Amino acid sequence: MLIKYQIEKNDKYGLDTTGLGKLELNNMLYEVFFFYGNEIAIKKGIEWMKEILISYPEDPSYIDTYASLLFKQGEKEEAIKWEQKAIDILSLKNEQEEVQRYMKKLEKMKSNQPTWIKN
């Protein structure tokens, strides 16, 4: 229900990609990816993450969410490309713990294993 409301709200009023709005949207979309298989929500999430990435193209958490949504929609090669970009950015920042976490996800993507909780 919350997801449906958020989609309707964003369609009516537009995305809030400022301040906490972008963070809340990213977190909500990660939940959509992780727990729900709703195709409409996944497609909307991809559209919204594209908009966020225009303003924040080097944020690994936003890139990871985008890659995850792409992968769940079946766009494996594109998802792998974006997940690798997130890993590269984290590596430059020397955030090894996050690099390892993202690498595990990347390996699952490459071997077509779900990276989300199955319903």
Protein backbone atom coordinates (compact mmCIF):
# COMPACT_ATOMS: atom_id res chain seq x y z
CA MET A 1 0.00 0.00 0.00
CA LEU A 2 2.80 2.42 0.89
CA ILE A 3 4.55 1.68 -2.40
CA LYS A 4 1.36 2.36 -4.37
CA TYR A 5 0.88 5.66 -2.51
CA GLN A 6 4.50 6.70 -3.15
CA ILE A 7 4.18 5.98 -6.87
CA GLU A 8 0.96 8.00 -7.09
CA LYS A 9 2.48 10.87 -5.07
CA ASN A 10 5.63 11.03 -7.21
CA ASP A 11 3.62 10.84 -10.42
CA LYS A 12 1.41 13.70 -9.27
CA TYR A 13 3.96 16.00 -7.61
CA GLY A 14 7.30 14.87 -9.04
CA LEU A 15 10.35 13.50 -7.32
CA ASP A 16 11.95 15.09 -4.30
CA THR A 17 15.64 14.59 -5.03
CA THR A 18 16.85 17.20 -2.56
CA GLY A 19 18.01 16.71 0.99
CA LEU A 20 16.47 13.70 2.67
CA GLY A 21 14.01 13.17 -0.19
CA LYS A 22 16.58 11.40 -2.34
CA LEU A 23 17.71 9.23 0.57
CA GLU A 24 14.16 8.27 1.50
CA LEU A 25 13.39 7.44 -2.12
CA ASN A 26 16.54 5.33 -2.43
CA ASN A 27 15.70 3.42 0.75
CA MET A 28 12.10 2.85 -0.34
CA LEU A 29 13.22 1.62 -3.76
CA TYR A 30 15.73 -0.74 -2.21
CA GLU A 31 12.88 -2.24 -0.20
CA VAL A 32 10.84 -2.57 -3.40
CA PHE A 33 13.77 -4.40 -4.97
CA PHE A 34 14.53 -6.58 -1.97
CA PHE A 35 11.06 -7.63 -0.86
CA TYR A 36 8.58 -7.07 -3.70
CA GLY A 37 8.33 -8.25 -7.28
CA ASN A 38 5.82 -5.69 -8.48
CA GLU A 39 6.82 -4.98 -12.08
CA ILE A 40 5.26 -1.50 -12.12
CA ALA A 41 7.13 -0.49 -8.97
CA ILE A 42 10.39 -1.86 -10.37
CA LYS A 43 9.98 0.09 -13.63
CA LYS A 44 9.08 3.28 -11.76
CA GLY A 45 12.05 2.74 -9.47
CA ILE A 46 14.40 2.49 -12.44
CA GLU A 47 13.02 5.75 -13.86
CA TRP A 48 13.39 7.52 -10.52
CA MET A 49 16.91 6.24 -9.88
CA LYS A 50 17.95 7.50 -13.34
CA GLU A 51 16.82 10.96 -12.25
CA ILE A 52 18.69 10.77 -8.96
CA LEU A 53 21.86 9.58 -10.73
CA ILE A 54 21.83 12.65 -12.95
CA SER A 55 22.47 14.76 -9.85
CA TYR A 56 24.52 12.19 -7.90
CA PRO A 57 26.38 10.10 -10.50
CA GLU A 58 29.17 9.03 -8.13
CA ASP A 59 27.11 7.87 -5.15
CA PRO A 60 27.71 4.12 -4.79
CA SER A 61 24.54 3.46 -2.78
CA TYR A 62 22.35 5.06 -5.44
CA ILE A 63 24.25 3.22 -8.17
CA ASP A 64 23.80 -0.05 -6.28
CA THR A 65 20.05 0.47 -5.95
CA TYR A 66 19.81 1.28 -9.66
CA ALA A 67 21.84 -1.82 -10.56
CA SER A 68 19.70 -3.97 -8.28
CA LEU A 69 16.47 -2.77 -9.86
CA LEU A 70 17.87 -3.35 -13.35
CA PHE A 71 18.91 -6.86 -12.40
CA LYS A 72 15.53 -7.71 -10.93
CA GLN A 73 13.89 -6.49 -14.15
CA GLY A 74 16.12 -8.86 -16.13
CA GLU A 75 18.62 -6.36 -17.50
CA LYS A 76 21.59 -8.41 -16.33
CA GLU A 77 24.41 -6.91 -18.41
CA GLU A 78 23.41 -3.32 -17.65
CA ALA A 79 23.04 -4.16 -13.97
CA ILE A 80 26.51 -5.72 -13.87
CA LYS A 81 28.00 -2.62 -15.50
CA TRP A 82 26.45 -0.33 -12.88
CA GLU A 83 27.29 -2.59 -9.93
CA GLN A 84 30.92 -2.65 -11.10
CA LYS A 85 30.88 1.16 -11.24
CA ALA A 86 29.73 1.27 -7.60
CA ILE A 87 32.54 -1.12 -6.66
CA ASP A 88 35.11 1.00 -8.51
CA ILE A 89 34.01 4.14 -6.66
CA LEU A 90 34.11 2.38 -3.30
CA SER A 91 37.57 1.00 -4.10
CA LEU A 92 38.85 4.51 -4.79
CA LYS A 93 37.46 5.58 -1.41
CA ASN A 94 39.18 2.56 0.19
CA GLU A 95 35.90 1.30 1.66
CA GLN A 96 36.87 -2.36 1.59
CA GLU A 97 34.01 -3.71 3.69
CA GLU A 98 31.48 -2.24 1.28
CA VAL A 99 33.55 -3.39 -1.70
CA GLN A 100 33.34 -6.97 -0.41
CA ARG A 101 29.58 -6.73 0.12
CA TYR A 102 29.02 -5.34 -3.37
CA MET A 103 31.40 -7.94 -4.88
CA LYS A 104 29.26 -10.74 -3.43
CA LYS A 105 26.21 -9.20 -5.05
CA LEU A 106 28.06 -8.79 -8.36
CA GLU A 107 29.05 -12.46 -8.35
CA LYS A 108 25.41 -13.44 -7.78
CA MET A 109 24.38 -11.21 -10.69
CA LYS A 110 26.96 -12.77 -12.97
CA SER A 111 25.72 -16.27 -12.12
CA ASN A 112 22.02 -15.30 -12.41
CA GLN A 113 21.30 -15.89 -8.72
CA PRO A 114 18.66 -13.74 -7.03
CA THR A 115 20.11 -10.94 -4.94
CA TRP A 116 16.79 -10.34 -3.20
CA ILE A 117 14.47 -12.21 -0.86
CA LYS A 118 12.21 -14.51 -2.84
CA ASN A 119 8.50 -14.08 -2.19
